[in-house]
């Protein structure tokens, strides 16, 4: 399993609109093969910054399966208009865990 990390810089003043669009978009990503779970958090110190964490079964499930799907086009339509600048997305493999 891998973790996708994206810091989403939403255009100031559009946070409520972004959150409403994300409420619709989350069903799209959740329906994709290889999706495990996601968490969207809003920064306390920088209220227009959001942290998106998505667990995938593999990098390919995200980078090829999701991004190459017709459903991704709808995801883009819903969310990409809110970002300035466009977010950097990275994938991480777990090396340690404490529970």
PDB file of N, CA and C in Angstrom:
ATOM      1  N   UNK A   1       0.847  -1.178   0.000  1.00  0.00           N
ATOM      2  CA  UNK A   1       0.000   0.000   0.000  1.00  0.00           C
ATOM      3  C   UNK A   1       0.892   1.241   0.000  1.00  0.00           C
ATOM      4  N   UNK A   2       0.467   2.270  -0.709  1.00  0.00           N
ATOM      5  CA  UNK A   2       1.204   3.528  -0.771  1.00  0.00           C
ATOM      6  C   UNK A   2       0.287   4.670  -0.337  1.00  0.00           C
ATOM      7  N   UNK A   3       0.902   5.784   0.031  1.00  0.00           N
ATOM      8  CA  UNK A   3       0.177   6.969   0.455  1.00  0.00           C
ATOM      9  C   UNK A   3       0.447   8.096  -0.526  1.00  0.00           C
ATOM     10  N   UNK A   4      -0.604   8.603  -1.115  1.00  0.00           N
ATOM     11  CA  UNK A   4      -0.524   9.803  -1.964  1.00  0.00           C
ATOM     12  C   UNK A   4      -0.668  11.010  -1.053  1.00  0.00           C
ATOM     13  N   UNK A   5       0.196  11.996  -1.236  1.00  0.00           N
ATOM     14  CA  UNK A   5       0.192  13.216  -0.436  1.00  0.00           C
ATOM     15  C   UNK A   5       0.073  14.398  -1.383  1.00  0.00           C
ATOM     16  N   UNK A   6      -0.886  15.278  -1.130  1.00  0.00           N
ATOM     17  CA  UNK A   6      -1.013  16.498  -1.927  1.00  0.00           C
ATOM     18  C   UNK A   6      -1.423  17.646  -1.014  1.00  0.00           C
ATOM     19  N   UNK A   7      -0.654  18.719  -1.040  1.00  0.00           N
ATOM     20  CA  UNK A   7      -1.014  19.942  -0.338  1.00  0.00           C
ATOM     21  C   UNK A   7      -1.762  20.805  -1.349  1.00  0.00           C
ATOM     22  N   UNK A   8      -3.024  21.080  -1.062  1.00  0.00           N
ATOM     23  CA  UNK A   8      -3.903  21.764  -2.017  1.00  0.00           C
ATOM     24  C   UNK A   8      -4.051  23.233  -1.645  1.00  0.00           C
ATOM     25  N   UNK A   9      -3.428  24.142  -2.402  1.00  0.00           N
ATOM     26  CA  UNK A   9      -3.545  25.580  -2.138  1.00  0.00           C
ATOM     27  C   UNK A   9      -4.787  26.148  -2.837  1.00  0.00           C
ATOM     28  N   UNK A  10      -5.872  26.243  -2.096  1.00  0.00           N
ATOM     29  CA  UNK A  10      -7.131  26.734  -2.649  1.00  0.00           C
ATOM     30  C   UNK A  10      -7.094  28.262  -2.710  1.00  0.00           C
ATOM     31  N   UNK A  11      -7.615  28.810  -3.778  1.00  0.00           N
ATOM     32  CA  UNK A  11      -7.665  30.266  -3.942  1.00  0.00           C
ATOM     33  C   UNK A  11      -8.433  30.864  -2.754  1.00  0.00           C
ATOM     34  N   UNK A  12      -7.817  31.821  -2.039  1.00  0.00           N
ATOM     35  CA  UNK A  12      -8.479  32.406  -0.864  1.00  0.00           C
ATOM     36  C   UNK A  12      -9.881  32.932  -1.207  1.00  0.00           C
ATOM     37  N   UNK A  13     -10.818  32.650  -0.307  1.00  0.00           N
ATOM     38  CA  UNK A  13     -12.205  33.060  -0.496  1.00  0.00           C
ATOM     39  C   UNK A  13     -13.063  32.013  -1.174  1.00  0.00           C
ATOM     40  N   UNK A  14     -12.439  30.943  -1.685  1.00  0.00           N
ATOM     41  CA  UNK A  14     -13.193  29.905  -2.397  1.00  0.00           C
ATOM     42  C   UNK A  14     -13.235  28.586  -1.614  1.00  0.00           C
ATOM     43  N   UNK A  15     -12.891  28.634  -0.337  1.00  0.00           N
ATOM     44  CA  UNK A  15     -12.806  27.424   0.472  1.00  0.00           C
ATOM     45  C   UNK A  15     -14.146  26.693   0.574  1.00  0.00           C
ATOM     46  N   UNK A  16     -15.224  27.400   0.826  1.00  0.00           N
ATOM     47  CA  UNK A  16     -16.538  26.758   0.964  1.00  0.00           C
ATOM     48  C   UNK A  16     -16.959  26.107  -0.349  1.00  0.00           C
ATOM     49  N   UNK A  17     -16.715  26.785  -1.447  1.00  0.00           N
ATOM     50  CA  UNK A  17     -17.037  26.242  -2.770  1.00  0.00           C
ATOM     51  C   UNK A  17     -16.196  24.992  -3.057  1.00  0.00           C
ATOM     52  N   UNK A  18     -14.909  25.040  -2.685  1.00  0.00           N
ATOM     53  CA  UNK A  18     -14.034  23.877  -2.853  1.00  0.00           C
ATOM     54  C   UNK A  18     -14.550  22.693  -2.036  1.00  0.00           C
ATOM     55  N   UNK A  19     -14.891  22.927  -0.788  1.00  0.00           N
ATOM     56  CA  UNK A  19     -15.370  21.844   0.074  1.00  0.00           C
ATOM     57  C   UNK A  19     -16.663  21.228  -0.466  1.00  0.00           C
ATOM     58  N   UNK A  20     -17.541  22.044  -1.019  1.00  0.00           N
ATOM     59  CA  UNK A  20     -18.773  21.523  -1.622  1.00  0.00           C
ATOM     60  C   UNK A  20     -18.449  20.665  -2.847  1.00  0.00           C
ATOM     61  N   UNK A  21     -17.526  21.111  -3.674  1.00  0.00           N
ATOM     62  CA  UNK A  21     -17.128  20.339  -4.853  1.00  0.00           C
ATOM     63  C   UNK A  21     -16.442  19.041  -4.430  1.00  0.00           C
ATOM     64  N   UNK A  22     -15.628  19.106  -3.380  1.00  0.00           N
ATOM     65  CA  UNK A  22     -14.945  17.902  -2.911  1.00  0.00           C
ATOM     66  C   UNK A  22     -15.940  16.877  -2.375  1.00  0.00           C
ATOM     67  N   UNK A  23     -17.015  17.342  -1.766  1.00  0.00           N
ATOM     68  CA  UNK A  23     -18.051  16.432  -1.267  1.00  0.00           C
ATOM     69  C   UNK A  23     -18.602  15.569  -2.398  1.00  0.00           C
ATOM     70  N   UNK A  24     -18.699  16.127  -3.593  1.00  0.00           N
ATOM     71  CA  UNK A  24     -19.128  15.350  -4.761  1.00  0.00           C
ATOM     72  C   UNK A  24     -17.973  14.509  -5.318  1.00  0.00           C
ATOM     73  N   UNK A  25     -16.793  15.098  -5.380  1.00  0.00           N
ATOM     74  CA  UNK A  25     -15.644  14.426  -6.001  1.00  0.00           C
ATOM     75  C   UNK A  25     -15.182  13.198  -5.225  1.00  0.00           C
ATOM     76  N   UNK A  26     -15.365  13.187  -3.923  1.00  0.00           N
ATOM     77  CA  UNK A  26     -14.846  12.065  -3.134  1.00  0.00           C
ATOM     78  C   UNK A  26     -15.501  10.741  -3.509  1.00  0.00           C
ATOM     79  N   UNK A  27     -16.732  10.765  -3.981  1.00  0.00           N
ATOM     80  CA  UNK A  27     -17.386   9.527  -4.430  1.00  0.00           C
ATOM     81  C   UNK A  27     -16.730   8.989  -5.701  1.00  0.00           C
ATOM     82  N   UNK A  28     -16.215   9.875  -6.526  1.00  0.00           N
ATOM     83  CA  UNK A  28     -15.545   9.455  -7.758  1.00  0.00           C
ATOM     84  C   UNK A  28     -14.287   8.669  -7.427  1.00  0.00           C
ATOM     85  N   UNK A  29     -13.424   9.245  -6.599  1.00  0.00           N
ATOM     86  CA  UNK A  29     -12.162   8.586  -6.281  1.00  0.00           C
ATOM     87  C   UNK A  29     -12.402   7.299  -5.490  1.00  0.00           C
ATOM     88  N   UNK A  30     -13.393   7.322  -4.610  1.00  0.00           N
ATOM     89  CA  UNK A  30     -13.685   6.142  -3.784  1.00  0.00           C
ATOM     90  C   UNK A  30     -14.155   4.950  -4.611  1.00  0.00           C
ATOM     91  N   UNK A  31     -14.660   5.202  -5.806  1.00  0.00           N
ATOM     92  CA  UNK A  31     -15.168   4.123  -6.658  1.00  0.00           C
ATOM     93  C   UNK A  31     -14.071   3.476  -7.511  1.00  0.00           C
ATOM     94  N   UNK A  32     -12.854   3.992  -7.447  1.00  0.00           N
ATOM     95  CA  UNK A  32     -11.793   3.534  -8.340  1.00  0.00           C
ATOM     96  C   UNK A  32     -11.125   2.256  -7.833  1.00  0.00           C
ATOM     97  N   UNK A  33     -10.800   1.337  -8.745  1.00  0.00           N
ATOM     98  CA  UNK A  33     -10.050   0.142  -8.348  1.00  0.00           C
ATOM     99  C   UNK A  33      -8.705   0.533  -7.718  1.00  0.00           C
ATOM    100  N   UNK A  34      -8.356  -0.117  -6.624  1.00  0.00           N
ATOM    101  CA  UNK A  34      -7.105   0.162  -5.949  1.00  0.00           C
ATOM    102  C   UNK A  34      -7.188   1.240  -4.890  1.00  0.00           C
ATOM    103  N   UNK A  35      -8.307   1.959  -4.811  1.00  0.00           N
ATOM    104  CA  UNK A  35      -8.508   2.967  -3.765  1.00  0.00           C
ATOM    105  C   UNK A  35      -8.702   2.250  -2.433  1.00  0.00           C
ATOM    106  N   UNK A  36      -8.065   2.769  -1.382  1.00  0.00           N
ATOM    107  CA  UNK A  36      -8.226   2.199  -0.038  1.00  0.00           C
ATOM    108  C   UNK A  36      -9.005   3.158   0.855  1.00  0.00           C
ATOM    109  N   UNK A  37      -8.491   4.373   1.036  1.00  0.00           N
ATOM    110  CA  UNK A  37      -9.196   5.376   1.847  1.00  0.00           C
ATOM    111  C   UNK A  37      -8.589   6.746   1.582  1.00  0.00           C
ATOM    112  N   UNK A  38      -9.262   7.777   2.096  1.00  0.00           N
ATOM    113  CA  UNK A  38      -8.719   9.127   1.968  1.00  0.00           C
ATOM    114  C   UNK A  38      -9.064   9.944   3.183  1.00  0.00           C
ATOM    115  N   UNK A  39      -8.285  11.009   3.335  1.00  0.00           N
ATOM    116  CA  UNK A  39      -8.531  11.979   4.394  1.00  0.00           C
ATOM    117  C   UNK A  39      -8.213  13.356   3.819  1.00  0.00           C
ATOM    118  N   UNK A  40      -9.136  14.297   4.006  1.00  0.00           N
ATOM    119  CA  UNK A  40      -8.910  15.690   3.612  1.00  0.00           C
ATOM    120  C   UNK A  40      -8.940  16.520   4.887  1.00  0.00           C
ATOM    121  N   UNK A  41      -7.875  17.278   5.119  1.00  0.00           N
ATOM    122  CA  UNK A  41      -7.778  18.124   6.316  1.00  0.00           C
ATOM    123  C   UNK A  41      -7.499  19.557   5.892  1.00  0.00           C
ATOM    124  N   UNK A  42      -8.020  20.492   6.698  1.00  0.00           N
ATOM    125  CA  UNK A  42      -7.813  21.918   6.434  1.00  0.00           C
ATOM    126  C   UNK A  42      -6.824  22.483   7.443  1.00  0.00           C
ATOM    127  N   UNK A  43      -5.902  23.298   6.966  1.00  0.00           N
ATOM    128  CA  UNK A  43      -4.897  23.897   7.832  1.00  0.00           C
ATOM    129  C   UNK A  43      -5.523  24.875   8.814  1.00  0.00           C
ATOM    130  N   UNK A  44      -5.061  24.818  10.037  1.00  0.00           N
ATOM    131  CA  UNK A  44      -5.482  25.774  11.061  1.00  0.00           C
ATOM    132  C   UNK A  44      -4.792  27.119  10.809  1.00  0.00           C
ATOM    133  N   UNK A  45      -3.487  27.069  10.554  1.00  0.00           N
ATOM    134  CA  UNK A  45      -2.701  28.298  10.381  1.00  0.00           C
ATOM    135  C   UNK A  45      -2.904  28.970   9.032  1.00  0.00           C
ATOM    136  N   UNK A  46      -3.188  28.191   8.000  1.00  0.00           N
ATOM    137  CA  UNK A  46      -3.374  28.719   6.645  1.00  0.00           C
ATOM    138  C   UNK A  46      -4.705  28.175   6.120  1.00  0.00           C
ATOM    139  N   UNK A  47      -5.821  28.834   6.415  1.00  0.00           N
ATOM    140  CA  UNK A  47      -7.148  28.266   6.159  1.00  0.00           C
ATOM    141  C   UNK A  47      -7.478  27.934   4.705  1.00  0.00           C
ATOM    142  N   UNK A  48      -6.689  28.435   3.762  1.00  0.00           N
ATOM    143  CA  UNK A  48      -6.962  28.077   2.366  1.00  0.00           C
ATOM    144  C   UNK A  48      -6.096  26.900   1.904  1.00  0.00           C
ATOM    145  N   UNK A  49      -5.346  26.290   2.823  1.00  0.00           N
ATOM    146  CA  UNK A  49      -4.509  25.140   2.485  1.00  0.00           C
ATOM    147  C   UNK A  49      -5.156  23.860   3.018  1.00  0.00           C
ATOM    148  N   UNK A  50      -5.213  22.857   2.160  1.00  0.00           N
ATOM    149  CA  UNK A  50      -5.792  21.562   2.519  1.00  0.00           C
ATOM    150  C   UNK A  50      -4.753  20.478   2.275  1.00  0.00           C
ATOM    151  N   UNK A  51      -4.798  19.450   3.105  1.00  0.00           N
ATOM    152  CA  UNK A  51      -3.920  18.300   2.953  1.00  0.00           C
ATOM    153  C   UNK A  51      -4.772  17.106   2.547  1.00  0.00           C
ATOM    154  N   UNK A  52      -4.479  16.543   1.387  1.00  0.00           N
ATOM    155  CA  UNK A  52      -5.176  15.355   0.897  1.00  0.00           C
ATOM    156  C   UNK A  52      -4.235  14.164   1.034  1.00  0.00           C
ATOM    157  N   UNK A  53      -4.693  13.154   1.754  1.00  0.00           N
ATOM    158  CA  UNK A  53      -3.950  11.909   1.922  1.00  0.00           C
ATOM    159  C   UNK A  53      -4.825  10.774   1.420  1.00  0.00           C
ATOM    160  N   UNK A  54      -4.312  10.025   0.460  1.00  0.00           N
ATOM    161  CA  UNK A  54      -5.069   8.917  -0.123  1.00  0.00           C
ATOM    162  C   UNK A  54      -4.212   7.666  -0.089  1.00  0.00           C
ATOM    163  N   UNK A  55      -4.752   6.601   0.472  1.00  0.00           N
ATOM    164  CA  UNK A  55      -4.077   5.308   0.399  1.00  0.00           C
ATOM    165  C   UNK A  55      -4.561   4.571  -0.842  1.00  0.00           C
ATOM    166  N   UNK A  56      -3.596   4.046  -1.588  1.00  0.00           N
ATOM    167  CA  UNK A  56      -3.847   3.250  -2.779  1.00  0.00           C
ATOM    168  C   UNK A  56      -3.165   1.900  -2.616  1.00  0.00           C
ATOM    169  N   UNK A  57      -3.654   0.909  -3.300  1.00  0.00           N
ATOM    170  CA  UNK A  57      -2.997  -0.396  -3.280  1.00  0.00           C
ATOM    171  C   UNK A  57      -1.630  -0.338  -3.951  1.00  0.00           C
ATOM    172  N   UNK A  58      -1.459   0.574  -4.929  1.00  0.00           N
ATOM    173  CA  UNK A  58      -0.192   0.719  -5.641  1.00  0.00           C
ATOM    174  C   UNK A  58      -0.119   2.098  -6.280  1.00  0.00           C
ATOM    175  N   UNK A  59       1.079   2.515  -6.659  1.00  0.00           N
ATOM    176  CA  UNK A  59       1.242   3.780  -7.396  1.00  0.00           C
ATOM    177  C   UNK A  59       0.468   3.698  -8.705  1.00  0.00           C
ATOM    178  N   UNK A  60       0.518   2.533  -9.358  1.00  0.00           N
ATOM    179  CA  UNK A  60      -0.166   2.364 -10.643  1.00  0.00           C
ATOM    180  C   UNK A  60      -1.677   2.548 -10.517  1.00  0.00           C
ATOM    181  N   UNK A  61      -2.256   2.121  -9.401  1.00  0.00           N
ATOM    182  CA  UNK A  61      -3.705   2.299  -9.202  1.00  0.00           C
ATOM    183  C   UNK A  61      -4.064   3.779  -9.260  1.00  0.00           C
ATOM    184  N   UNK A  62      -3.191   4.627  -8.736  1.00  0.00           N
ATOM    185  CA  UNK A  62      -3.436   6.062  -8.769  1.00  0.00           C
ATOM    186  C   UNK A  62      -3.009   6.676 -10.105  1.00  0.00           C
ATOM    187  N   UNK A  63      -1.724   6.499 -10.433  1.00  0.00           N
ATOM    188  CA  UNK A  63      -1.137   7.216 -11.563  1.00  0.00           C
ATOM    189  C   UNK A  63      -1.647   6.743 -12.915  1.00  0.00           C
ATOM    190  N   UNK A  64      -1.954   5.465 -13.040  1.00  0.00           N
ATOM    191  CA  UNK A  64      -2.420   4.915 -14.313  1.00  0.00           C
ATOM    192  C   UNK A  64      -3.935   4.685 -14.270  1.00  0.00           C
ATOM    193  N   UNK A  65      -4.382   3.932 -13.260  1.00  0.00           N
ATOM    194  CA  UNK A  65      -5.802   3.583 -13.177  1.00  0.00           C
ATOM    195  C   UNK A  65      -6.716   4.786 -13.012  1.00  0.00           C
ATOM    196  N   UNK A  66      -6.502   5.562 -11.950  1.00  0.00           N
ATOM    197  CA  UNK A  66      -7.367   6.714 -11.689  1.00  0.00           C
ATOM    198  C   UNK A  66      -7.122   7.841 -12.685  1.00  0.00           C
ATOM    199  N   UNK A  67      -5.875   8.264 -12.812  1.00  0.00           N
ATOM    200  CA  UNK A  67      -5.589   9.397 -13.701  1.00  0.00           C
ATOM    201  C   UNK A  67      -5.843   9.095 -15.175  1.00  0.00           C
ATOM    202  N   UNK A  68      -5.856   7.832 -15.540  1.00  0.00           N
ATOM    203  CA  UNK A  68      -6.130   7.455 -16.924  1.00  0.00           C
ATOM    204  C   UNK A  68      -7.575   7.128 -17.193  1.00  0.00           C
ATOM    205  N   UNK A  69      -8.423   7.297 -16.194  1.00  0.00           N
ATOM    206  CA  UNK A  69      -9.830   6.903 -16.320  1.00  0.00           C
ATOM    207  C   UNK A  69     -10.709   8.058 -16.794  1.00  0.00           C
ATOM    208  N   UNK A  70     -11.862   7.743 -17.386  1.00  0.00           N
ATOM    209  CA  UNK A  70     -12.819   8.794 -17.735  1.00  0.00           C
ATOM    210  C   UNK A  70     -13.329   9.535 -16.495  1.00  0.00           C
ATOM    211  N   UNK A  71     -13.387   8.840 -15.363  1.00  0.00           N
ATOM    212  CA  UNK A  71     -13.858   9.467 -14.120  1.00  0.00           C
ATOM    213  C   UNK A  71     -12.927  10.588 -13.670  1.00  0.00           C
ATOM    214  N   UNK A  72     -11.648  10.471 -13.998  1.00  0.00           N
ATOM    215  CA  UNK A  72     -10.689  11.509 -13.618  1.00  0.00           C
ATOM    216  C   UNK A  72     -11.027  12.845 -14.274  1.00  0.00           C
ATOM    217  N   UNK A  73     -11.583  12.800 -15.461  1.00  0.00           N
ATOM    218  CA  UNK A  73     -11.974  14.048 -16.137  1.00  0.00           C
ATOM    219  C   UNK A  73     -13.012  14.809 -15.308  1.00  0.00           C
ATOM    220  N   UNK A  74     -13.963  14.089 -14.737  1.00  0.00           N
ATOM    221  CA  UNK A  74     -14.970  14.730 -13.879  1.00  0.00           C
ATOM    222  C   UNK A  74     -14.322  15.278 -12.616  1.00  0.00           C
ATOM    223  N   UNK A  75     -13.391  14.521 -12.014  1.00  0.00           N
ATOM    224  CA  UNK A  75     -12.631  14.970 -10.839  1.00  0.00           C
ATOM    225  C   UNK A  75     -11.934  16.300 -11.151  1.00  0.00           C
ATOM    226  N   UNK A  76     -11.276  16.345 -12.313  1.00  0.00           N
ATOM    227  CA  UNK A  76     -10.580  17.579 -12.737  1.00  0.00           C
ATOM    228  C   UNK A  76     -11.549  18.743 -12.871  1.00  0.00           C
ATOM    229  N   UNK A  77     -12.688  18.499 -13.529  1.00  0.00           N
ATOM    230  CA  UNK A  77     -13.693  19.555 -13.713  1.00  0.00           C
ATOM    231  C   UNK A  77     -14.160  20.116 -12.374  1.00  0.00           C
ATOM    232  N   UNK A  78     -14.337  19.239 -11.413  1.00  0.00           N
ATOM    233  CA  UNK A  78     -14.837  19.661 -10.103  1.00  0.00           C
ATOM    234  C   UNK A  78     -13.805  20.422  -9.290  1.00  0.00           C
ATOM    235  N   UNK A  79     -12.532  20.010  -9.329  1.00  0.00           N
ATOM    236  CA  UNK A  79     -11.570  20.500  -8.348  1.00  0.00           C
ATOM    237  C   UNK A  79     -10.417  21.350  -8.862  1.00  0.00           C
ATOM    238  N   UNK A  80      -9.936  21.116 -10.054  1.00  0.00           N
ATOM    239  CA  UNK A  80      -8.691  21.765 -10.465  1.00  0.00           C
ATOM    240  C   UNK A  80      -8.805  23.275 -10.616  1.00  0.00           C
ATOM    241  N   UNK A  81      -9.979  23.800 -10.753  1.00  0.00           N
ATOM    242  CA  UNK A  81     -10.153  25.254 -10.900  1.00  0.00           C
ATOM    243  C   UNK A  81      -9.910  26.022  -9.604  1.00  0.00           C
ATOM    244  N   UNK A  82      -9.805  25.304  -8.485  1.00  0.00           N
ATOM    245  CA  UNK A  82      -9.632  25.955  -7.192  1.00  0.00           C
ATOM    246  C   UNK A  82      -8.177  26.165  -6.789  1.00  0.00           C
ATOM    247  N   UNK A  83      -7.232  25.570  -7.491  1.00  0.00           N
ATOM    248  CA  UNK A  83      -5.841  25.555  -7.041  1.00  0.00           C
ATOM    249  C   UNK A  83      -4.999  26.661  -7.658  1.00  0.00           C
ATOM    250  N   UNK A  84      -4.226  27.335  -6.792  1.00  0.00           N
ATOM    251  CA  UNK A  84      -3.266  28.335  -7.250  1.00  0.00           C
ATOM    252  C   UNK A  84      -2.141  28.410  -6.228  1.00  0.00           C
ATOM    253  N   UNK A  85      -0.961  27.892  -6.559  1.00  0.00           N
ATOM    254  CA  UNK A  85      -0.587  27.181  -7.777  1.00  0.00           C
ATOM    255  C   UNK A  85      -1.098  25.740  -7.752  1.00  0.00           C
ATOM    256  N   UNK A  86      -0.866  25.032  -8.842  1.00  0.00           N
ATOM    257  CA  UNK A  86      -1.317  23.645  -8.914  1.00  0.00           C
ATOM    258  C   UNK A  86      -0.513  22.805  -7.924  1.00  0.00           C
ATOM    259  N   UNK A  87      -1.168  21.891  -7.206  1.00  0.00           N
ATOM    260  CA  UNK A  87      -0.472  21.117  -6.171  1.00  0.00           C
ATOM    261  C   UNK A  87       0.547  20.122  -6.719  1.00  0.00           C
ATOM    262  N   UNK A  88       1.548  19.857  -5.902  1.00  0.00           N
ATOM    263  CA  UNK A  88       2.515  18.805  -6.168  1.00  0.00           C
ATOM    264  C   UNK A  88       2.001  17.550  -5.473  1.00  0.00           C
ATOM    265  N   UNK A  89       1.980  16.446  -6.199  1.00  0.00           N
ATOM    266  CA  UNK A  89       1.514  15.167  -5.659  1.00  0.00           C
ATOM    267  C   UNK A  89       2.709  14.231  -5.567  1.00  0.00           C
ATOM    268  N   UNK A  90       2.860  13.587  -4.407  1.00  0.00           N
ATOM    269  CA  UNK A  90       3.930  12.624  -4.208  1.00  0.00           C
ATOM    270  C   UNK A  90       3.364  11.352  -3.604  1.00  0.00           C
ATOM    271  N   UNK A  91       4.102  10.256  -3.787  1.00  0.00           N
ATOM    272  CA  UNK A  91       3.710   8.957  -3.251  1.00  0.00           C
ATOM    273  C   UNK A  91       4.744   8.510  -2.226  1.00  0.00           C
ATOM    274  N   UNK A  92       4.269   7.909  -1.144  1.00  0.00           N
ATOM    275  CA  UNK A  92       5.142   7.487  -0.060  1.00  0.00           C
ATOM    276  C   UNK A  92       4.873   6.028   0.296  1.00  0.00           C
ATOM    277  N   UNK A  93       5.947   5.328   0.659  1.00  0.00           N
ATOM    278  CA  UNK A  93       5.857   3.958   1.165  1.00  0.00           C
ATOM    279  C   UNK A  93       6.169   4.017   2.658  1.00  0.00           C
ATOM    280  N   UNK A  94       5.350   3.362   3.454  1.00  0.00           N
ATOM    281  CA  UNK A  94       5.518   3.395   4.908  1.00  0.00           C
ATOM    282  C   UNK A  94       6.803   2.669   5.328  1.00  0.00           C
ATOM    283  N   UNK A  95       7.524   3.281   6.259  1.00  0.00           N
ATOM    284  CA  UNK A  95       8.729   2.651   6.793  1.00  0.00           C
ATOM    285  C   UNK A  95       8.615   2.376   8.294  1.00  0.00           C
ATOM    286  N   UNK A  96       7.681   3.037   8.972  1.00  0.00           N
ATOM    287  CA  UNK A  96       7.484   2.800  10.409  1.00  0.00           C
ATOM    288  C   UNK A  96       6.079   3.248  10.785  1.00  0.00           C
ATOM    289  N   UNK A  97       5.548   2.631  11.852  1.00  0.00           N
ATOM    290  CA  UNK A  97       4.217   3.005  12.340  1.00  0.00           C
ATOM    291  C   UNK A  97       4.167   2.762  13.852  1.00  0.00           C
ATOM    292  N   UNK A  98       3.529   3.667  14.553  1.00  0.00           N
ATOM    293  CA  UNK A  98       3.265   3.520  15.981  1.00  0.00           C
ATOM    294  C   UNK A  98       1.769   3.700  16.179  1.00  0.00           C
ATOM    295  N   UNK A  99       1.143   2.757  16.827  1.00  0.00           N
ATOM    296  CA  UNK A  99      -0.310   2.868  17.091  1.00  0.00           C
ATOM    297  C   UNK A  99      -0.577   2.726  18.557  1.00  0.00           C
TER     298      UNK A  99
END
